Structures are given as C-alpha cells and as structure tokens.
Amino acid sequence: MTPPAATPAAAPATDVRTPALYTCLVSHTRTAPVRHSLRHRTYMWLVDLDRLPQLPAVLRPLARFDARDHFDGTAPTIRAGLERFLTSRGVRLEGGRVLMLAHARVLGHVFNPLTLYWCHDPGGAPLCVVAEVHNTYGERHCYLLHTDAQGRAETAKDFYVSPFFPVDGAYRMRLPEPAARLDLTVQLRRGDARPFTATVRGTRRPATPRHLLATVLRHPWSTAAVSAGIRRHGIALFLRGLRVQPRPRHRIQEGTQ
C-alpha cells in the first residue's frame, strides 16, 4: 500500500485495493440519559462498485451485493441507485470511482446499519461521501457529506434510528477512506452534550476465498448477529427505564425508501 499523500483530500483513490475484507470491532457508547456501551466483532467488505467480487460458485451464498439492499432497491445496480440519489442533489460522478463499505448478504440475510460510499471524480480526487443509514424499522436514509482532508463532516440528524433518541441534534463524523486500517467515528451532538458515539475499527485482509471462508467461520451469520445485537441492547436499555421516543413519519428521500 502506498503511503497516504500529505493532502488526502486531493489524493487519487487508485491505490486502494479492492475487494478487501475488514475484520472490525464496532463500539457504541451512550453517556445520557444512562451510561451504556456495547462492543461487537464483525467484518465488512470494501468493494469497487464497478468491480464487485466474483466468487467461486460454492462461496457465493456467503457474499452477495444486491441493488435491492440499497437506496430504493429498484435500480439495476448499486451504482445506478447511488447515481440516482446524487443526481437528485446536483452531484454527477462522470464515471469516477466509487468505493463501498458494507456488509454483504450472507445466506440470504443482510442488515446494514451504515453503508458508506467514497465517491471520486474522473481524475481520482475525492468528490463526496454518502452515508446510507438503515434502521430496524425497515427505513432508509442517506446523508450527502462533503468531508475535509481528514474525512470529517457535520450534518443535521434527520432520521429516526435509536428509539431512545428523538430526531434532533447533529452528527459529527470522521470517515477517512479505508486503507490498511479502518477508523470511523460517528458522534451525536445535542447542544453541548455528546450522548452517543459509535466507532468502527478494523484491519484489512485480502478478500481471497481462503480468507473469506476463515472470516465467515469466525463470524457466522454476521449480519443477523448485528441485527440481533441491536435489538438485544435495545431491550436492555428499555428495562433500565429509558423512554421510547415517538417515531415520526419518515420523510422519503428521492432515491431511497
């Protein structure tokens, strides 16, 4: 891997190797209204949307990337769904490279709390980042982010995710493009409070059939485990007395559902 340039915001993405697997530790920390934390080990894929992995037939049930699982699910490809969303916001990729970090569909199941798309212009310079969020109610929402040289951006929160937080405040995100390490942070801010922080830390491995099989054996039913873990911790918080916030009617975005 070539060392990162001194100004990442202008560095081309051609040295990012895909497909890749990242074995990850996901951490959630709540500081209000009660203190609570969770840690979960899983793995994620980094793929080029124009060069999705071509696995041996026997391994294909362990990693599928379907357009139906992203944006409004009606586009012929994931890239087409992304471009439809971006075009509705005045952003055109003009054929630039897109890297996607996501869980793959495993044995017919997938749940992606957060999918990230690093979008580049035709010359390889970073153009924008799209954060696609799914909640456990089957709703989807996308944030269009223009990050700085360190991968940082802020955006208002306007999607219901945790049932214990209302739809207010803002997110401060740090989403540098993955390299040998994955290092992501999403922090909810409500006024001067920082009630919730999520981090994803991971190490890259080549997405060879051998590494994929070993990773799946270490983390079987990985996406189902993510979904079950979110619900399990939600029940624990409810039993600790947290009040469920009313879920507003979701404002459907163009290009999502």
Protein backbone atom coordinates (compact mmCIF):
# COMPACT_ATOMS: atom_id res chain seq x y z
CA MET A 1 0.00 0.00 0.00
CA THR A 2 1.37 3.38 -0.98
CA PRO A 3 1.62 5.81 1.99
CA PRO A 4 -1.14 8.41 2.01
CA ALA A 5 -0.37 11.74 0.40
CA ALA A 6 0.14 14.81 2.52
CA THR A 7 -3.19 16.22 1.40
CA PRO A 8 -5.68 13.32 1.38
CA ALA A 9 -8.48 15.49 0.04
CA ALA A 10 -6.70 15.70 -3.31
CA ALA A 11 -5.15 12.21 -3.40
CA PRO A 12 -6.32 9.76 -6.06
CA ALA A 13 -8.09 6.60 -4.98
CA THR A 14 -6.31 4.28 -7.41
CA ASP A 15 -4.04 2.83 -4.69
CA VAL A 16 -6.95 1.50 -2.60
CA ARG A 17 -7.04 -2.24 -3.21
CA THR A 18 -10.38 -3.91 -3.65
CA PRO A 19 -12.11 -6.11 -2.89
CA ALA A 20 -10.97 -6.23 0.72
CA LEU A 21 -12.26 -7.62 3.99
CA TYR A 22 -12.04 -5.68 7.24
CA THR A 23 -12.34 -7.57 10.50
CA CYS A 24 -13.95 -4.96 12.73
CA LEU A 25 -14.67 -4.03 16.29
CA VAL A 26 -17.83 -1.91 16.47
CA SER A 27 -18.31 0.09 19.68
CA HIS A 28 -21.30 2.14 20.84
CA THR A 29 -21.06 4.38 23.89
CA ARG A 30 -24.01 6.21 25.45
CA THR A 31 -23.43 8.83 28.12
CA ALA A 32 -27.01 10.07 28.55
CA PRO A 33 -29.60 9.64 29.85
CA VAL A 34 -27.85 6.50 31.17
CA ARG A 35 -24.37 5.17 30.58
CA HIS A 36 -24.25 2.10 28.41
CA SER A 37 -21.82 0.57 25.95
CA LEU A 38 -21.61 -2.34 23.58
CA ARG A 39 -18.81 -3.93 21.62
CA HIS A 40 -19.38 -6.25 18.69
CA ARG A 41 -16.95 -8.03 16.41
CA THR A 42 -17.89 -8.46 12.77
CA TYR A 43 -16.44 -7.98 9.31
CA MET A 44 -17.21 -5.70 6.39
CA TRP A 45 -16.37 -5.54 2.70
CA LEU A 46 -14.71 -2.72 0.79
CA VAL A 47 -15.59 -3.04 -2.88
CA ASP A 48 -15.34 -1.03 -6.07
CA LEU A 49 -18.89 -0.61 -7.39
CA ASP A 50 -17.65 -1.18 -10.93
CA ARG A 51 -15.75 -4.35 -9.97
CA LEU A 52 -17.83 -6.30 -7.49
CA PRO A 53 -16.27 -9.55 -6.22
CA GLN A 54 -16.54 -12.59 -8.45
CA LEU A 55 -16.52 -15.52 -6.04
CA PRO A 56 -16.40 -19.25 -6.76
CA ALA A 57 -19.91 -20.66 -7.04
CA VAL A 58 -19.67 -22.54 -3.75
CA LEU A 59 -18.89 -19.30 -1.85
CA ARG A 60 -21.44 -17.00 -3.47
CA PRO A 61 -24.10 -17.57 -0.76
CA LEU A 62 -21.59 -16.06 1.70
CA ALA A 63 -21.32 -12.70 -0.07
CA ARG A 64 -23.90 -11.16 -2.35
CA PHE A 65 -24.14 -7.47 -3.23
CA ASP A 66 -27.69 -6.78 -4.41
CA ALA A 67 -29.11 -3.49 -5.67
CA ARG A 68 -32.35 -4.23 -3.80
CA ASP A 69 -30.49 -3.79 -0.49
CA HIS A 70 -29.51 -0.17 -1.14
CA PHE A 71 -31.25 3.13 -1.88
CA ASP A 72 -34.82 2.46 -3.08
CA GLY A 73 -33.96 -1.05 -4.23
CA THR A 74 -35.31 -0.53 -7.76
CA ALA A 75 -32.15 0.43 -9.65
CA PRO A 76 -30.48 -2.22 -11.82
CA THR A 77 -27.19 -1.85 -9.94
CA ILE A 78 -25.98 -0.33 -6.67
CA ARG A 79 -24.03 2.26 -8.61
CA ALA A 80 -27.15 3.24 -10.58
CA GLY A 81 -29.03 3.72 -7.30
CA LEU A 82 -26.21 5.88 -5.92
CA GLU A 83 -26.06 7.99 -9.07
CA ARG A 84 -29.83 8.50 -8.99
CA PHE A 85 -29.54 9.79 -5.43
CA LEU A 86 -26.57 12.04 -6.22
CA THR A 87 -28.13 13.44 -9.39
CA SER A 88 -31.19 14.49 -7.40
CA ARG A 89 -28.79 16.61 -5.32
CA GLY A 90 -26.85 18.09 -8.21
CA VAL A 91 -23.80 15.84 -7.97
CA ARG A 92 -22.53 13.95 -11.02
CA LEU A 93 -19.81 11.33 -10.85
CA GLU A 94 -18.98 11.40 -14.57
CA GLY A 95 -17.65 7.85 -14.32
CA GLY A 96 -15.49 8.43 -11.23
CA ARG A 97 -14.58 5.54 -8.97
CA VAL A 98 -16.84 4.64 -6.02
CA LEU A 99 -15.71 2.56 -3.06
CA MET A 100 -18.44 1.00 -0.90
CA LEU A 101 -18.00 -0.25 2.68
CA ALA A 102 -20.85 -2.55 3.67
CA HIS A 103 -21.99 -5.90 4.93
CA ALA A 104 -22.70 -8.36 2.15
CA ARG A 105 -25.81 -10.51 2.05
CA VAL A 106 -24.89 -13.76 3.85
CA LEU A 107 -27.02 -16.89 3.39
CA GLY A 108 -29.90 -14.72 2.23
CA HIS A 109 -29.78 -12.18 5.08
CA VAL A 110 -28.36 -8.68 5.28
CA PHE A 111 -28.67 -5.71 7.61
CA ASN A 112 -26.54 -2.63 7.07
CA PRO A 113 -26.91 -0.03 9.83
CA LEU A 114 -24.39 2.09 7.91
CA THR A 115 -23.13 1.79 4.35
CA LEU A 116 -20.51 4.26 3.18
CA TYR A 117 -19.70 5.33 -0.37
CA TRP A 118 -16.48 7.24 -1.11
CA CYS A 119 -17.11 8.97 -4.44
CA HIS A 120 -14.35 10.31 -6.69
CA ASP A 121 -14.20 12.44 -9.77
CA PRO A 122 -12.80 11.06 -13.06
CA GLY A 123 -9.30 12.14 -12.06
CA GLY A 124 -9.49 10.18 -8.79
CA ALA A 125 -9.87 13.14 -6.42
CA PRO A 126 -12.44 12.77 -3.60
CA LEU A 127 -15.78 14.29 -4.53
CA CYS A 128 -18.13 13.41 -1.66
CA VAL A 129 -19.13 10.70 0.79
CA VAL A 130 -22.62 9.23 1.05
CA ALA A 131 -23.67 7.67 4.35
CA GLU A 132 -26.65 5.35 3.87
CA VAL A 133 -28.39 4.51 7.17
CA HIS A 134 -30.89 1.72 7.74
CA ASN A 135 -32.93 1.46 10.93
CA THR A 136 -34.56 -1.65 12.38
CA TYR A 137 -37.98 -0.49 11.13
CA GLY A 138 -37.05 -1.14 7.51
CA GLU A 139 -36.50 2.54 6.66
CA ARG A 140 -33.54 4.04 4.80
CA HIS A 141 -32.00 7.48 4.69
CA CYS A 142 -28.91 8.96 3.04
CA TYR A 143 -26.65 11.82 4.09
CA LEU A 144 -24.59 13.60 1.44
CA LEU A 145 -21.31 14.70 3.03
CA HIS A 146 -18.51 16.91 1.83
CA THR A 147 -15.62 15.89 4.05
CA ASP A 148 -12.43 17.78 4.77
CA ALA A 149 -8.87 16.49 4.31
CA GLN A 150 -9.19 14.35 7.46
CA GLY A 151 -12.51 12.87 6.37
CA ARG A 152 -14.58 14.98 8.79
CA ALA A 153 -18.04 16.38 8.22
CA GLU A 154 -21.08 17.54 10.17
CA THR A 155 -24.71 17.15 9.27
CA ALA A 156 -28.05 17.63 10.98
CA LYS A 157 -29.71 14.45 12.23
CA ASP A 158 -32.99 13.97 10.38
CA PHE A 159 -33.62 10.21 10.56
CA TYR A 160 -35.01 8.08 13.39
CA VAL A 161 -32.50 5.41 14.36
CA SER A 162 -32.40 4.64 18.08
CA PRO A 163 -35.86 4.58 19.70
CA PHE A 164 -34.35 6.33 22.72
CA PHE A 165 -33.25 9.50 20.93
CA PRO A 166 -35.55 11.99 19.19
CA VAL A 167 -34.78 13.22 15.70
CA ASP A 168 -32.78 16.30 16.63
CA GLY A 169 -29.20 17.39 17.07
CA ALA A 170 -26.38 16.82 14.62
CA TYR A 171 -23.80 14.22 13.72
CA ARG A 172 -20.09 14.88 13.65
CA MET A 173 -18.49 12.17 11.54
CA ARG A 174 -14.92 11.18 10.82
CA LEU A 175 -14.89 8.94 7.75
CA PRO A 176 -11.41 8.73 6.22
CA GLU A 177 -11.18 6.45 3.22
CA PRO A 178 -10.12 2.96 4.36
CA ALA A 179 -6.53 1.88 3.83
CA ALA A 180 -4.62 -0.77 5.78
CA ARG A 181 -6.75 0.29 8.75
CA LEU A 182 -10.39 1.23 9.06
CA ASP A 183 -11.04 4.04 11.55
CA LEU A 184 -14.53 5.57 11.57
CA THR A 185 -16.34 7.68 14.16
CA VAL A 186 -19.92 8.95 14.28
CA GLN A 187 -20.87 11.18 17.21
CA LEU A 188 -24.32 12.54 18.01
CA ARG A 189 -24.32 16.08 19.39
CA ARG A 190 -27.30 17.70 21.08
CA GLY A 191 -26.34 21.20 22.11
CA ASP A 192 -23.29 20.89 24.34
CA ALA A 193 -23.98 17.21 25.07
CA ARG A 194 -22.35 14.25 23.34
CA PRO A 195 -24.81 11.50 24.28
CA PHE A 196 -23.77 8.86 21.74
CA THR A 197 -20.59 7.86 19.93
CA ALA A 198 -20.09 4.94 17.56
CA THR A 199 -16.73 3.78 16.29
CA VAL A 200 -15.66 1.15 13.78
CA ARG A 201 -12.05 -0.02 13.89
CA GLY A 202 -10.77 -2.68 11.54
CA THR A 203 -7.82 -4.29 9.82
CA ARG A 204 -7.74 -5.04 6.11
CA ARG A 205 -7.23 -8.51 4.70
CA PRO A 206 -7.29 -9.54 1.05
CA ALA A 207 -10.68 -10.90 0.02
CA THR A 208 -9.40 -14.26 -1.15
CA PRO A 209 -11.67 -17.32 -0.93
CA ARG A 210 -9.49 -18.70 1.87
CA HIS A 211 -9.67 -15.50 3.93
CA LEU A 212 -13.41 -15.17 3.32
CA LEU A 213 -14.11 -18.71 4.47
CA ALA A 214 -11.95 -18.26 7.58
CA THR A 215 -13.66 -14.96 8.40
CA VAL A 216 -17.15 -16.41 7.96
CA LEU A 217 -16.27 -19.32 10.25
CA ARG A 218 -15.13 -16.85 12.92
CA HIS A 219 -18.22 -14.66 12.48
CA PRO A 220 -21.07 -16.90 11.32
CA TRP A 221 -24.34 -15.23 10.34
CA SER A 222 -22.59 -11.89 10.80
CA THR A 223 -25.38 -9.63 9.57
CA ALA A 224 -28.02 -11.49 11.58
CA ALA A 225 -25.80 -11.12 14.63
CA VAL A 226 -25.62 -7.34 14.07
CA SER A 227 -29.40 -7.06 13.85
CA ALA A 228 -29.95 -9.29 16.89
CA GLY A 229 -27.35 -7.40 18.91
CA ILE A 230 -29.02 -4.05 18.28
CA ARG A 231 -32.36 -5.43 19.45
CA ARG A 232 -30.83 -7.14 22.48
CA HIS A 233 -29.22 -3.94 23.70
CA GLY A 234 -32.42 -2.02 22.97
CA ILE A 235 -34.31 -4.35 25.29
CA ALA A 236 -31.64 -3.91 27.96
CA LEU A 237 -31.97 -0.12 27.76
CA PHE A 238 -35.75 -0.30 27.91
CA LEU A 239 -35.52 -2.46 31.04
CA ARG A 240 -33.27 0.19 32.57
CA GLY A 241 -36.10 2.67 32.25
CA LEU A 242 -35.32 4.57 29.07
CA ARG A 243 -38.40 6.07 27.48
CA VAL A 244 -39.10 5.24 23.86
CA GLN A 245 -39.30 8.40 21.76
CA PRO A 246 -42.18 8.70 19.28
CA ARG A 247 -41.14 7.69 15.78
CA PRO A 248 -42.05 10.45 13.34
CA ARG A 249 -43.32 9.65 9.90
CA HIS A 250 -40.27 9.06 7.74
CA ARG A 251 -39.71 11.67 5.05
CA ILE A 252 -38.94 9.60 1.98
CA GLN A 253 -35.98 10.95 0.01
CA GLU A 254 -35.73 10.79 -3.72
CA GLY A 255 -33.67 7.70 -4.45
CA THR A 256 -34.41 5.94 -1.15
CA GLN A 257 -37.40 4.38 0.53
